[in-house]
PDB file of N, CA and C in Angstrom:
ATOM      1  N   MET A   1       0.847  -1.174   0.000  1.00  0.00           N
ATOM      2  CA  MET A   1       0.000   0.000   0.000  1.00  0.00           C
ATOM      3  C   MET A   1       0.891   1.235   0.000  1.00  0.00           C
ATOM      4  N   VAL A   2       0.560   2.182  -0.815  1.00  0.00           N
ATOM      5  CA  VAL A   2       1.206   3.476  -0.787  1.00  0.00           C
ATOM      6  C   VAL A   2       0.168   4.468  -0.304  1.00  0.00           C
ATOM      7  N   GLY A   3       0.599   5.469   0.301  1.00  0.00           N
ATOM      8  CA  GLY A   3      -0.242   6.491   0.908  1.00  0.00           C
ATOM      9  C   GLY A   3       0.577   7.012   2.065  1.00  0.00           C
ATOM     10  N   TYR A   4       0.185   8.128   2.603  1.00  0.00           N
ATOM     11  CA  TYR A   4       1.048   8.751   3.592  1.00  0.00           C
ATOM     12  C   TYR A   4       0.251   9.346   4.737  1.00  0.00           C
ATOM     13  N   LEU A   5       0.703   9.053   5.953  1.00  0.00           N
ATOM     14  CA  LEU A   5       0.161   9.707   7.131  1.00  0.00           C
ATOM     15  C   LEU A   5       0.839  11.059   7.244  1.00  0.00           C
ATOM     16  N   SER A   6       0.063  12.067   7.511  1.00  0.00           N
ATOM     17  CA  SER A   6       0.593  13.408   7.641  1.00  0.00           C
ATOM     18  C   SER A   6       0.586  13.815   9.102  1.00  0.00           C
ATOM     19  N   LEU A   7       1.642  14.435   9.548  1.00  0.00           N
ATOM     20  CA  LEU A   7       1.739  14.912  10.924  1.00  0.00           C
ATOM     21  C   LEU A   7       1.179  16.323  11.016  1.00  0.00           C
ATOM     22  N   PRO A   8       0.757  16.790  12.152  1.00  0.00           N
ATOM     23  CA  PRO A   8       0.810  16.111  13.443  1.00  0.00           C
ATOM     24  C   PRO A   8      -0.437  15.264  13.661  1.00  0.00           C
ATOM     25  N   PHE A   9      -0.293  14.226  14.478  1.00  0.00           N
ATOM     26  CA  PHE A   9      -1.435  13.473  14.950  1.00  0.00           C
ATOM     27  C   PHE A   9      -2.027  14.278  16.100  1.00  0.00           C
ATOM     28  N   GLU A  10      -3.314  14.141  16.313  1.00  0.00           N
ATOM     29  CA  GLU A  10      -3.938  14.836  17.435  1.00  0.00           C
ATOM     30  C   GLU A  10      -4.587  13.800  18.334  1.00  0.00           C
ATOM     31  N   VAL A  11      -4.287  13.845  19.615  1.00  0.00           N
ATOM     32  CA  VAL A  11      -4.910  12.968  20.598  1.00  0.00           C
ATOM     33  C   VAL A  11      -5.655  13.862  21.568  1.00  0.00           C
ATOM     34  N   LYS A  12      -6.974  13.649  21.655  1.00  0.00           N
ATOM     35  CA  LYS A  12      -7.799  14.500  22.508  1.00  0.00           C
ATOM     36  C   LYS A  12      -9.015  13.717  22.962  1.00  0.00           C
ATOM     37  N   ASP A  13      -9.292  13.754  24.255  1.00  0.00           N
ATOM     38  CA  ASP A  13     -10.465  13.079  24.828  1.00  0.00           C
ATOM     39  C   ASP A  13     -10.518  11.605  24.459  1.00  0.00           C
ATOM     40  N   GLY A  14      -9.357  10.940  24.437  1.00  0.00           N
ATOM     41  CA  GLY A  14      -9.310   9.517  24.147  1.00  0.00           C
ATOM     42  C   GLY A  14      -9.502   9.175  22.677  1.00  0.00           C
ATOM     43  N   LYS A  15      -9.440  10.165  21.838  1.00  0.00           N
ATOM     44  CA  LYS A  15      -9.601   9.951  20.394  1.00  0.00           C
ATOM     45  C   LYS A  15      -8.328  10.388  19.684  1.00  0.00           C
ATOM     46  N   VAL A  16      -8.052   9.734  18.558  1.00  0.00           N
ATOM     47  CA  VAL A  16      -6.887  10.062  17.757  1.00  0.00           C
ATOM     48  C   VAL A  16      -7.376  10.593  16.420  1.00  0.00           C
ATOM     49  N   LYS A  17      -6.829  11.735  16.020  1.00  0.00           N
ATOM     50  CA  LYS A  17      -7.177  12.319  14.724  1.00  0.00           C
ATOM     51  C   LYS A  17      -5.933  12.274  13.851  1.00  0.00           C
ATOM     52  N   VAL A  18      -6.050  11.655  12.667  1.00  0.00           N
ATOM     53  CA  VAL A  18      -4.932  11.560  11.742  1.00  0.00           C
ATOM     54  C   VAL A  18      -5.363  12.039  10.365  1.00  0.00           C
ATOM     55  N   THR A  19      -4.388  12.445   9.602  1.00  0.00           N
ATOM     56  CA  THR A  19      -4.626  12.808   8.209  1.00  0.00           C
ATOM     57  C   THR A  19      -3.867  11.806   7.357  1.00  0.00           C
ATOM     58  N   PHE A  20      -4.566  11.191   6.419  1.00  0.00           N
ATOM     59  CA  PHE A  20      -3.961  10.212   5.519  1.00  0.00           C
ATOM     60  C   PHE A  20      -4.122  10.724   4.097  1.00  0.00           C
ATOM     61  N   LEU A  21      -3.032  10.733   3.358  1.00  0.00           N
ATOM     62  CA  LEU A  21      -3.039  11.176   1.965  1.00  0.00           C
ATOM     63  C   LEU A  21      -2.911   9.966   1.062  1.00  0.00           C
ATOM     64  N   GLY A  22      -3.859   9.802   0.154  1.00  0.00           N
ATOM     65  CA  GLY A  22      -3.791   8.678  -0.768  1.00  0.00           C
ATOM     66  C   GLY A  22      -5.017   8.626  -1.643  1.00  0.00           C
ATOM     67  N   SER A  23      -5.012   7.697  -2.553  1.00  0.00           N
ATOM     68  CA  SER A  23      -6.159   7.495  -3.443  1.00  0.00           C
ATOM     69  C   SER A  23      -7.285   6.822  -2.664  1.00  0.00           C
ATOM     70  N   ALA A  24      -8.445   6.724  -3.274  1.00  0.00           N
ATOM     71  CA  ALA A  24      -9.585   6.062  -2.627  1.00  0.00           C
ATOM     72  C   ALA A  24      -9.226   4.624  -2.255  1.00  0.00           C
ATOM     73  N   LYS A  25      -8.538   3.933  -3.141  1.00  0.00           N
ATOM     74  CA  LYS A  25      -8.127   2.558  -2.860  1.00  0.00           C
ATOM     75  C   LYS A  25      -7.159   2.514  -1.681  1.00  0.00           C
ATOM     76  N   GLN A  26      -6.225   3.439  -1.646  1.00  0.00           N
ATOM     77  CA  GLN A  26      -5.253   3.476  -0.553  1.00  0.00           C
ATOM     78  C   GLN A  26      -5.944   3.792   0.780  1.00  0.00           C
ATOM     79  N   VAL A  27      -6.940   4.663   0.758  1.00  0.00           N
ATOM     80  CA  VAL A  27      -7.681   4.971   1.980  1.00  0.00           C
ATOM     81  C   VAL A  27      -8.409   3.722   2.468  1.00  0.00           C
ATOM     82  N   ARG A  28      -9.046   2.989   1.560  1.00  0.00           N
ATOM     83  CA  ARG A  28      -9.728   1.745   1.948  1.00  0.00           C
ATOM     84  C   ARG A  28      -8.742   0.744   2.544  1.00  0.00           C
ATOM     85  N   GLN A  29      -7.564   0.616   1.930  1.00  0.00           N
ATOM     86  CA  GLN A  29      -6.537  -0.296   2.447  1.00  0.00           C
ATOM     87  C   GLN A  29      -6.054   0.154   3.826  1.00  0.00           C
ATOM     88  N   PHE A  30      -5.941   1.435   4.023  1.00  0.00           N
ATOM     89  CA  PHE A  30      -5.512   1.976   5.304  1.00  0.00           C
ATOM     90  C   PHE A  30      -6.549   1.684   6.397  1.00  0.00           C
ATOM     91  N   LEU A  31      -7.827   1.805   6.060  1.00  0.00           N
ATOM     92  CA  LEU A  31      -8.895   1.615   7.046  1.00  0.00           C
ATOM     93  C   LEU A  31      -9.218   0.144   7.306  1.00  0.00           C
ATOM     94  N   SER A  32      -8.884  -0.729   6.381  1.00  0.00           N
ATOM     95  CA  SER A  32      -9.223  -2.148   6.489  1.00  0.00           C
ATOM     96  C   SER A  32      -8.774  -2.799   7.800  1.00  0.00           C
ATOM     97  N   PRO A  33      -7.536  -2.613   8.258  1.00  0.00           N
ATOM     98  CA  PRO A  33      -7.135  -3.240   9.531  1.00  0.00           C
ATOM     99  C   PRO A  33      -7.960  -2.756  10.727  1.00  0.00           C
ATOM    100  N   PHE A  34      -8.398  -1.495  10.690  1.00  0.00           N
ATOM    101  CA  PHE A  34      -9.238  -0.988  11.774  1.00  0.00           C
ATOM    102  C   PHE A  34     -10.590  -1.696  11.771  1.00  0.00           C
ATOM    103  N   GLU A  35     -11.138  -1.888  10.568  1.00  0.00           N
ATOM    104  CA  GLU A  35     -12.405  -2.598  10.450  1.00  0.00           C
ATOM    105  C   GLU A  35     -12.264  -4.045  10.901  1.00  0.00           C
ATOM    106  N   ASP A  36     -11.171  -4.693  10.459  1.00  0.00           N
ATOM    107  CA  ASP A  36     -10.940  -6.096  10.836  1.00  0.00           C
ATOM    108  C   ASP A  36     -10.797  -6.261  12.347  1.00  0.00           C
ATOM    109  N   ALA A  37     -10.228  -5.261  13.015  1.00  0.00           N
ATOM    110  CA  ALA A  37     -10.017  -5.334  14.459  1.00  0.00           C
ATOM    111  C   ALA A  37     -11.235  -4.841  15.246  1.00  0.00           C
ATOM    112  N   GLY A  38     -12.254  -4.374  14.534  1.00  0.00           N
ATOM    113  CA  GLY A  38     -13.452  -3.885  15.209  1.00  0.00           C
ATOM    114  C   GLY A  38     -13.264  -2.527  15.863  1.00  0.00           C
ATOM    115  N   VAL A  39     -12.277  -1.777  15.399  1.00  0.00           N
ATOM    116  CA  VAL A  39     -12.020  -0.448  15.950  1.00  0.00           C
ATOM    117  C   VAL A  39     -12.995   0.537  15.311  1.00  0.00           C
ATOM    118  N   HIS A  40     -13.687   1.284  16.175  1.00  0.00           N
ATOM    119  CA  HIS A  40     -14.628   2.287  15.669  1.00  0.00           C
ATOM    120  C   HIS A  40     -13.835   3.497  15.162  1.00  0.00           C
ATOM    121  N   TYR A  41     -14.170   3.955  13.970  1.00  0.00           N
ATOM    122  CA  TYR A  41     -13.547   5.146  13.425  1.00  0.00           C
ATOM    123  C   TYR A  41     -14.592   5.935  12.670  1.00  0.00           C
ATOM    124  N   ARG A  42     -14.268   7.185  12.413  1.00  0.00           N
ATOM    125  CA  ARG A  42     -15.162   8.036  11.638  1.00  0.00           C
ATOM    126  C   ARG A  42     -14.312   8.852  10.673  1.00  0.00           C
ATOM    127  N   VAL A  43     -14.690   8.848   9.424  1.00  0.00           N
ATOM    128  CA  VAL A  43     -14.024   9.672   8.420  1.00  0.00           C
ATOM    129  C   VAL A  43     -14.670  11.045   8.494  1.00  0.00           C
ATOM    130  N   ILE A  44     -13.854  12.046   8.780  1.00  0.00           N
ATOM    131  CA  ILE A  44     -14.380  13.397   8.951  1.00  0.00           C
ATOM    132  C   ILE A  44     -14.451  14.138   7.626  1.00  0.00           C
ATOM    133  N   SER A  45     -13.473  13.914   6.772  1.00  0.00           N
ATOM    134  CA  SER A  45     -13.425  14.661   5.526  1.00  0.00           C
ATOM    135  C   SER A  45     -12.686  13.873   4.456  1.00  0.00           C
ATOM    136  N   LEU A  46     -13.200  13.917   3.258  1.00  0.00           N
ATOM    137  CA  LEU A  46     -12.517  13.363   2.089  1.00  0.00           C
ATOM    138  C   LEU A  46     -12.420  14.481   1.064  1.00  0.00           C
ATOM    139  N   THR A  47     -11.244  14.679   0.537  1.00  0.00           N
ATOM    140  CA  THR A  47     -11.036  15.742  -0.433  1.00  0.00           C
ATOM    141  C   THR A  47     -10.259  15.192  -1.611  1.00  0.00           C
ATOM    142  N   ASP A  48     -10.683  15.534  -2.798  1.00  0.00           N
ATOM    143  CA  ASP A  48      -9.969  15.137  -4.001  1.00  0.00           C
ATOM    144  C   ASP A  48      -8.729  16.006  -4.122  1.00  0.00           C
ATOM    145  N   ALA A  49      -7.589  15.381  -4.229  1.00  0.00           N
ATOM    146  CA  ALA A  49      -6.326  16.117  -4.291  1.00  0.00           C
ATOM    147  C   ALA A  49      -5.929  16.462  -5.716  1.00  0.00           C
ATOM    148  N   GLN A  50      -6.880  16.586  -6.587  1.00  0.00           N
ATOM    149  CA  GLN A  50      -6.576  17.000  -7.946  1.00  0.00           C
ATOM    150  C   GLN A  50      -6.297  18.501  -7.947  1.00  0.00           C
ATOM    151  N   PHE A  51      -5.391  18.918  -8.765  1.00  0.00           N
ATOM    152  CA  PHE A  51      -5.038  20.313  -8.829  1.00  0.00           C
ATOM    153  C   PHE A  51      -5.598  20.905 -10.109  1.00  0.00           C
ATOM    154  N   PRO A  52      -5.896  22.190 -10.107  1.00  0.00           N
ATOM    155  CA  PRO A  52      -6.417  22.813 -11.320  1.00  0.00           C
ATOM    156  C   PRO A  52      -5.426  22.648 -12.470  1.00  0.00           C
ATOM    157  N   PRO A  53      -5.924  22.605 -13.697  1.00  0.00           N
ATOM    158  CA  PRO A  53      -5.037  22.389 -14.855  1.00  0.00           C
ATOM    159  C   PRO A  53      -3.880  23.386 -14.927  1.00  0.00           C
ATOM    160  N   HIS A  54      -4.065  24.598 -14.451  1.00  0.00           N
ATOM    161  CA  HIS A  54      -3.018  25.622 -14.527  1.00  0.00           C
ATOM    162  C   HIS A  54      -2.040  25.554 -13.354  1.00  0.00           C
ATOM    163  N   SER A  55      -2.254  24.649 -12.415  1.00  0.00           N
ATOM    164  CA  SER A  55      -1.370  24.541 -11.247  1.00  0.00           C
ATOM    165  C   SER A  55       0.022  24.089 -11.661  1.00  0.00           C
ATOM    166  N   PRO A  56       1.052  24.739 -11.147  1.00  0.00           N
ATOM    167  CA  PRO A  56       2.427  24.290 -11.427  1.00  0.00           C
ATOM    168  C   PRO A  56       2.670  22.853 -10.961  1.00  0.00           C
ATOM    169  N   LEU A  57       1.910  22.379  -9.965  1.00  0.00           N
ATOM    170  CA  LEU A  57       2.095  21.016  -9.484  1.00  0.00           C
ATOM    171  C   LEU A  57       1.763  19.990 -10.555  1.00  0.00           C
ATOM    172  N   ASN A  58       0.957  20.357 -11.526  1.00  0.00           N
ATOM    173  CA  ASN A  58       0.645  19.439 -12.616  1.00  0.00           C
ATOM    174  C   ASN A  58       1.815  19.231 -13.565  1.00  0.00           C
ATOM    175  N   ARG A  59       2.853  20.014 -13.420  1.00  0.00           N
ATOM    176  CA  ARG A  59       4.063  19.842 -14.239  1.00  0.00           C
ATOM    177  C   ARG A  59       4.955  18.723 -13.696  1.00  0.00           C
ATOM    178  N   LEU A  60       4.629  18.249 -12.484  1.00  0.00           N
ATOM    179  CA  LEU A  60       5.442  17.221 -11.837  1.00  0.00           C
ATOM    180  C   LEU A  60       4.891  15.837 -12.122  1.00  0.00           C
ATOM    181  N   THR A  61       5.762  14.838 -12.018  1.00  0.00           N
ATOM    182  CA  THR A  61       5.278  13.460 -12.090  1.00  0.00           C
ATOM    183  C   THR A  61       4.497  13.179 -10.808  1.00  0.00           C
ATOM    184  N   GLU A  62       3.714  12.132 -10.799  1.00  0.00           N
ATOM    185  CA  GLU A  62       2.931  11.779  -9.615  1.00  0.00           C
ATOM    186  C   GLU A  62       3.838  11.574  -8.405  1.00  0.00           C
ATOM    187  N   LYS A  63       4.937  10.864  -8.593  1.00  0.00           N
ATOM    188  CA  LYS A  63       5.860  10.586  -7.487  1.00  0.00           C
ATOM    189  C   LYS A  63       6.512  11.874  -6.991  1.00  0.00           C
ATOM    190  N   GLN A  64       6.920  12.744  -7.906  1.00  0.00           N
ATOM    191  CA  GLN A  64       7.509  14.017  -7.511  1.00  0.00           C
ATOM    192  C   GLN A  64       6.508  14.837  -6.698  1.00  0.00           C
ATOM    193  N   ARG A  65       5.282  14.861  -7.170  1.00  0.00           N
ATOM    194  CA  ARG A  65       4.226  15.606  -6.483  1.00  0.00           C
ATOM    195  C   ARG A  65       4.009  15.045  -5.074  1.00  0.00           C
ATOM    196  N   GLN A  66       3.960  13.712  -4.955  1.00  0.00           N
ATOM    197  CA  GLN A  66       3.742  13.074  -3.652  1.00  0.00           C
ATOM    198  C   GLN A  66       4.851  13.424  -2.665  1.00  0.00           C
ATOM    199  N   VAL A  67       6.099  13.275  -3.093  1.00  0.00           N
ATOM    200  CA  VAL A  67       7.198  13.517  -2.158  1.00  0.00           C
ATOM    201  C   VAL A  67       7.315  15.001  -1.819  1.00  0.00           C
ATOM    202  N   LEU A  68       7.073  15.875  -2.781  1.00  0.00           N
ATOM    203  CA  LEU A  68       7.166  17.303  -2.528  1.00  0.00           C
ATOM    204  C   LEU A  68       6.078  17.755  -1.546  1.00  0.00           C
ATOM    205  N   ILE A  69       4.858  17.303  -1.761  1.00  0.00           N
ATOM    206  CA  ILE A  69       3.754  17.681  -0.872  1.00  0.00           C
ATOM    207  C   ILE A  69       3.981  17.127   0.528  1.00  0.00           C
ATOM    208  N   MET A  70       4.398  15.878   0.615  1.00  0.00           N
ATOM    209  CA  MET A  70       4.628  15.290   1.934  1.00  0.00           C
ATOM    210  C   MET A  70       5.805  15.971   2.626  1.00  0.00           C
ATOM    211  N   ALA A  71       6.867  16.260   1.896  1.00  0.00           N
ATOM    212  CA  ALA A  71       8.016  16.961   2.482  1.00  0.00           C
ATOM    213  C   ALA A  71       7.557  18.314   3.038  1.00  0.00           C
ATOM    214  N   HIS A  72       6.747  18.996   2.290  1.00  0.00           N
ATOM    215  CA  HIS A  72       6.217  20.291   2.739  1.00  0.00           C
ATOM    216  C   HIS A  72       5.345  20.108   3.968  1.00  0.00           C
ATOM    217  N   ASN A  73       4.416  19.160   3.938  1.00  0.00           N
ATOM    218  CA  ASN A  73       3.500  18.939   5.058  1.00  0.00           C
ATOM    219  C   ASN A  73       4.220  18.514   6.333  1.00  0.00           C
ATOM    220  N   LEU A  74       5.311  17.797   6.198  1.00  0.00           N
ATOM    221  CA  LEU A  74       6.045  17.307   7.366  1.00  0.00           C
ATOM    222  C   LEU A  74       7.102  18.297   7.867  1.00  0.00           C
ATOM    223  N   GLY A  75       7.230  19.430   7.185  1.00  0.00           N
ATOM    224  CA  GLY A  75       8.131  20.469   7.674  1.00  0.00           C
ATOM    225  C   GLY A  75       9.546  20.419   7.152  1.00  0.00           C
ATOM    226  N   TYR A  76       9.768  19.728   6.048  1.00  0.00           N
ATOM    227  CA  TYR A  76      11.115  19.674   5.476  1.00  0.00           C
ATOM    228  C   TYR A  76      11.582  21.063   5.025  1.00  0.00           C
ATOM    229  N   TYR A  77      10.663  21.888   4.572  1.00  0.00           N
ATOM    230  CA  TYR A  77      11.023  23.216   4.083  1.00  0.00           C
ATOM    231  C   TYR A  77      10.890  24.297   5.150  1.00  0.00           C
ATOM    232  N   ASP A  78      10.523  23.915   6.376  1.00  0.00           N
ATOM    233  CA  ASP A  78      10.435  24.878   7.472  1.00  0.00           C
ATOM    234  C   ASP A  78      11.842  25.272   7.929  1.00  0.00           C
ATOM    235  N   ILE A  79      11.938  26.394   8.611  1.00  0.00           N
ATOM    236  CA  ILE A  79      13.204  26.818   9.201  1.00  0.00           C
ATOM    237  C   ILE A  79      12.958  26.985  10.688  1.00  0.00           C
ATOM    238  N   PRO A  80      13.542  26.173  11.541  1.00  0.00           N
ATOM    239  CA  PRO A  80      14.391  25.033  11.223  1.00  0.00           C
ATOM    240  C   PRO A  80      13.543  23.864  10.723  1.00  0.00           C
ATOM    241  N   ARG A  81      14.175  22.933  10.047  1.00  0.00           N
ATOM    242  CA  ARG A  81      13.476  21.772   9.512  1.00  0.00           C
ATOM    243  C   ARG A  81      12.883  20.935  10.644  1.00  0.00           C
ATOM    244  N   LYS A  82      11.682  20.421  10.391  1.00  0.00           N
ATOM    245  CA  LYS A  82      11.042  19.534  11.361  1.00  0.00           C
ATOM    246  C   LYS A  82      11.308  18.072  11.048  1.00  0.00           C
ATOM    247  N   ILE A  83      11.787  17.809   9.834  1.00  0.00           N
ATOM    248  CA  ILE A  83      12.105  16.446   9.424  1.00  0.00           C
ATOM    249  C   ILE A  83      13.307  16.512   8.480  1.00  0.00           C
ATOM    250  N   SER A  84      14.178  15.551   8.596  1.00  0.00           N
ATOM    251  CA  SER A  84      15.381  15.527   7.753  1.00  0.00           C
ATOM    252  C   SER A  84      15.115  14.718   6.484  1.00  0.00           C
ATOM    253  N   LEU A  85      16.022  14.834   5.548  1.00  0.00           N
ATOM    254  CA  LEU A  85      15.933  14.056   4.319  1.00  0.00           C
ATOM    255  C   LEU A  85      16.021  12.561   4.634  1.00  0.00           C
ATOM    256  N   VAL A  86      16.854  12.209   5.594  1.00  0.00           N
ATOM    257  CA  VAL A  86      16.992  10.805   6.009  1.00  0.00           C
ATOM    258  C   VAL A  86      15.659  10.283   6.554  1.00  0.00           C
ATOM    259  N   GLN A  87      15.010  11.071   7.415  1.00  0.00           N
ATOM    260  CA  GLN A  87      13.720  10.667   7.973  1.00  0.00           C
ATOM    261  C   GLN A  87      12.652  10.560   6.885  1.00  0.00           C
ATOM    262  N   LEU A  88      12.673  11.500   5.954  1.00  0.00           N
ATOM    263  CA  LEU A  88      11.722  11.444   4.837  1.00  0.00           C
ATOM    264  C   LEU A  88      11.936  10.183   4.003  1.00  0.00           C
ATOM    265  N   ALA A  89      13.177   9.874   3.718  1.00  0.00           N
ATOM    266  CA  ALA A  89      13.483   8.686   2.912  1.00  0.00           C
ATOM    267  C   ALA A  89      12.945   7.435   3.599  1.00  0.00           C
ATOM    268  N   LYS A  90      13.083   7.361   4.917  1.00  0.00           N
ATOM    269  CA  LYS A  90      12.548   6.211   5.654  1.00  0.00           C
ATOM    270  C   LYS A  90      11.031   6.156   5.549  1.00  0.00           C
ATOM    271  N   ARG A  91      10.374   7.304   5.647  1.00  0.00           N
ATOM    272  CA  ARG A  91       8.905   7.347   5.527  1.00  0.00           C
ATOM    273  C   ARG A  91       8.428   6.830   4.176  1.00  0.00           C
ATOM    274  N   PHE A  92       9.169   7.197   3.137  1.00  0.00           N
ATOM    275  CA  PHE A  92       8.795   6.793   1.784  1.00  0.00           C
ATOM    276  C   PHE A  92       9.355   5.431   1.414  1.00  0.00           C
ATOM    277  N   ASP A  93      10.173   4.867   2.275  1.00  0.00           N
ATOM    278  CA  ASP A  93      10.846   3.607   2.001  1.00  0.00           C
ATOM    279  C   ASP A  93      11.633   3.706   0.694  1.00  0.00           C
ATOM    280  N   LEU A  94      12.388   4.791   0.587  1.00  0.00           N
ATOM    281  CA  LEU A  94      13.215   5.048  -0.585  1.00  0.00           C
ATOM    282  C   LEU A  94      14.657   5.219  -0.144  1.00  0.00           C
ATOM    283  N   ALA A  95      15.571   4.929  -1.058  1.00  0.00           N
ATOM    284  CA  ALA A  95      16.977   5.226  -0.796  1.00  0.00           C
ATOM    285  C   ALA A  95      17.122   6.740  -0.690  1.00  0.00           C
ATOM    286  N   LEU A  96      18.010   7.175   0.157  1.00  0.00           N
ATOM    287  CA  LEU A  96      18.245   8.600   0.355  1.00  0.00           C
ATOM    288  C   LEU A  96      18.538   9.307  -0.965  1.00  0.00           C
ATOM    289  N   SER A  97      19.387   8.694  -1.784  1.00  0.00           N
ATOM    290  CA  SER A  97      19.744   9.315  -3.068  1.00  0.00           C
ATOM    291  C   SER A  97      18.540   9.410  -4.002  1.00  0.00           C
ATOM    292  N   THR A  98      17.661   8.420  -3.967  1.00  0.00           N
ATOM    293  CA  THR A  98      16.463   8.438  -4.811  1.00  0.00           C
ATOM    294  C   THR A  98      15.534   9.573  -4.405  1.00  0.00           C
ATOM    295  N   LEU A  99      15.311   9.712  -3.102  1.00  0.00           N
ATOM    296  CA  LEU A  99      14.447  10.796  -2.623  1.00  0.00           C
ATOM    297  C   LEU A  99      15.061  12.153  -2.949  1.00  0.00           C
ATOM    298  N   ASP A 100      16.370  12.280  -2.757  1.00  0.00           N
ATOM    299  CA  ASP A 100      17.048  13.536  -3.056  1.00  0.00           C
ATOM    300  C   ASP A 100      16.853  13.922  -4.516  1.00  0.00           C
ATOM    301  N   VAL A 101      17.008  12.975  -5.415  1.00  0.00           N
ATOM    302  CA  VAL A 101      16.834  13.249  -6.847  1.00  0.00           C
ATOM    303  C   VAL A 101      15.381  13.623  -7.154  1.00  0.00           C
ATOM    304  N   LEU A 102      14.423  12.895  -6.568  1.00  0.00           N
ATOM    305  CA  LEU A 102      13.005  13.213  -6.791  1.00  0.00           C
ATOM    306  C   LEU A 102      12.689  14.644  -6.359  1.00  0.00           C
ATOM    307  N   LEU A 103      13.123  15.020  -5.182  1.00  0.00           N
ATOM    308  CA  LEU A 103      12.855  16.372  -4.688  1.00  0.00           C
ATOM    309  C   LEU A 103      13.550  17.430  -5.531  1.00  0.00           C
ATOM    310  N   ARG A 104      14.816  17.189  -5.864  1.00  0.00           N
ATOM    311  CA  ARG A 104      15.551  18.185  -6.646  1.00  0.00           C
ATOM    312  C   ARG A 104      14.949  18.364  -8.037  1.00  0.00           C
ATOM    313  N   ARG A 105      14.521  17.272  -8.655  1.00  0.00           N
ATOM    314  CA  ARG A 105      13.881  17.387  -9.976  1.00  0.00           C
ATOM    315  C   ARG A 105      12.552  18.128  -9.876  1.00  0.00           C
ATOM    316  N   ALA A 106      11.788  17.845  -8.827  1.00  0.00           N
ATOM    317  CA  ALA A 106      10.509  18.532  -8.629  1.00  0.00           C
ATOM    318  C   ALA A 106      10.753  20.029  -8.395  1.00  0.00           C
ATOM    319  N   GLU A 107      11.694  20.329  -7.528  1.00  0.00           N
ATOM    320  CA  GLU A 107      12.011  21.731  -7.240  1.00  0.00           C
ATOM    321  C   GLU A 107      12.474  22.451  -8.499  1.00  0.00           C
ATOM    322  N   ARG A 108      13.317  21.767  -9.284  1.00  0.00           N
ATOM    323  CA  ARG A 108      13.827  22.389 -10.512  1.00  0.00           C
ATOM    324  C   ARG A 108      12.701  22.671 -11.505  1.00  0.00           C
ATOM    325  N   ARG A 109      11.788  21.704 -11.668  1.00  0.00           N
ATOM    326  CA  ARG A 109      10.666  21.928 -12.592  1.00  0.00           C
ATOM    327  C   ARG A 109       9.826  23.115 -12.151  1.00  0.00           C
ATOM    328  N   LEU A 110       9.564  23.198 -10.853  1.00  0.00           N
ATOM    329  CA  LEU A 110       8.766  24.314 -10.349  1.00  0.00           C
ATOM    330  C   LEU A 110       9.499  25.636 -10.510  1.00  0.00           C
ATOM    331  N   LEU A 111      10.789  25.653 -10.189  1.00  0.00           N
ATOM    332  CA  LEU A 111      11.569  26.879 -10.346  1.00  0.00           C
ATOM    333  C   LEU A 111      11.664  27.303 -11.813  1.00  0.00           C
ATOM    334  N   ASN A 112      11.876  26.350 -12.709  1.00  0.00           N
ATOM    335  CA  ASN A 112      11.922  26.671 -14.135  1.00  0.00           C
ATOM    336  C   ASN A 112      10.601  27.295 -14.578  1.00  0.00           C
ATOM    337  N   HIS A 113       9.512  26.730 -14.108  1.00  0.00           N
ATOM    338  CA  HIS A 113       8.186  27.253 -14.451  1.00  0.00           C
ATOM    339  C   HIS A 113       8.036  28.691 -13.937  1.00  0.00           C
ATOM    340  N   ILE A 114       8.438  28.930 -12.704  1.00  0.00           N
ATOM    341  CA  ILE A 114       8.325  30.258 -12.118  1.00  0.00           C
ATOM    342  C   ILE A 114       9.225  31.255 -12.838  1.00  0.00           C
ATOM    343  N   MET A 115      10.457  30.868 -13.098  1.00  0.00           N
ATOM    344  CA  MET A 115      11.408  31.761 -13.751  1.00  0.00           C
ATOM    345  C   MET A 115      11.019  32.091 -15.182  1.00  0.00           C
ATOM    346  N   ASN A 116      10.418  31.148 -15.875  1.00  0.00           N
ATOM    347  CA  ASN A 116      10.027  31.373 -17.261  1.00  0.00           C
ATOM    348  C   ASN A 116       8.762  32.208 -17.384  1.00  0.00           C
ATOM    349  N   GLU A 117       7.988  32.310 -16.306  1.00  0.00           N
ATOM    350  CA  GLU A 117       6.770  33.116 -16.343  1.00  0.00           C
ATOM    351  C   GLU A 117       7.040  34.540 -15.927  1.00  0.00           C
ATOM    352  N   SER A 118       8.226  34.814 -15.419  1.00  0.00           N
ATOM    353  CA  SER A 118       8.544  36.170 -14.938  1.00  0.00           C
ATOM    354  C   SER A 118       8.768  37.100 -16.078  1.00  0.00           C
TER     355      SER A 118
END
């Protein structure tokens, strides 16, 4: 299963709130073990992660888009960083060099797009 849990998790009043990013199939796969274990859960929101046709994110491959969005959501681009490249690579189950190349190519495509529109 591919899909990604996004931080932070919220624990309040004995309940856990998580954000999971993935396709409809990935969401079903993610929820299946909870159903099998009889754990009560409630889906609060489902949102289609499609971007408008003019979005610069549409210039990226699916994998580039996934890693860039997750890196952003987990604080890789924050100052100071909340997650390292090594930690991100472990989350994605990718070699460090592979993740580095994916991010750099995504960043370059976005920067090229921005620079060419100026």
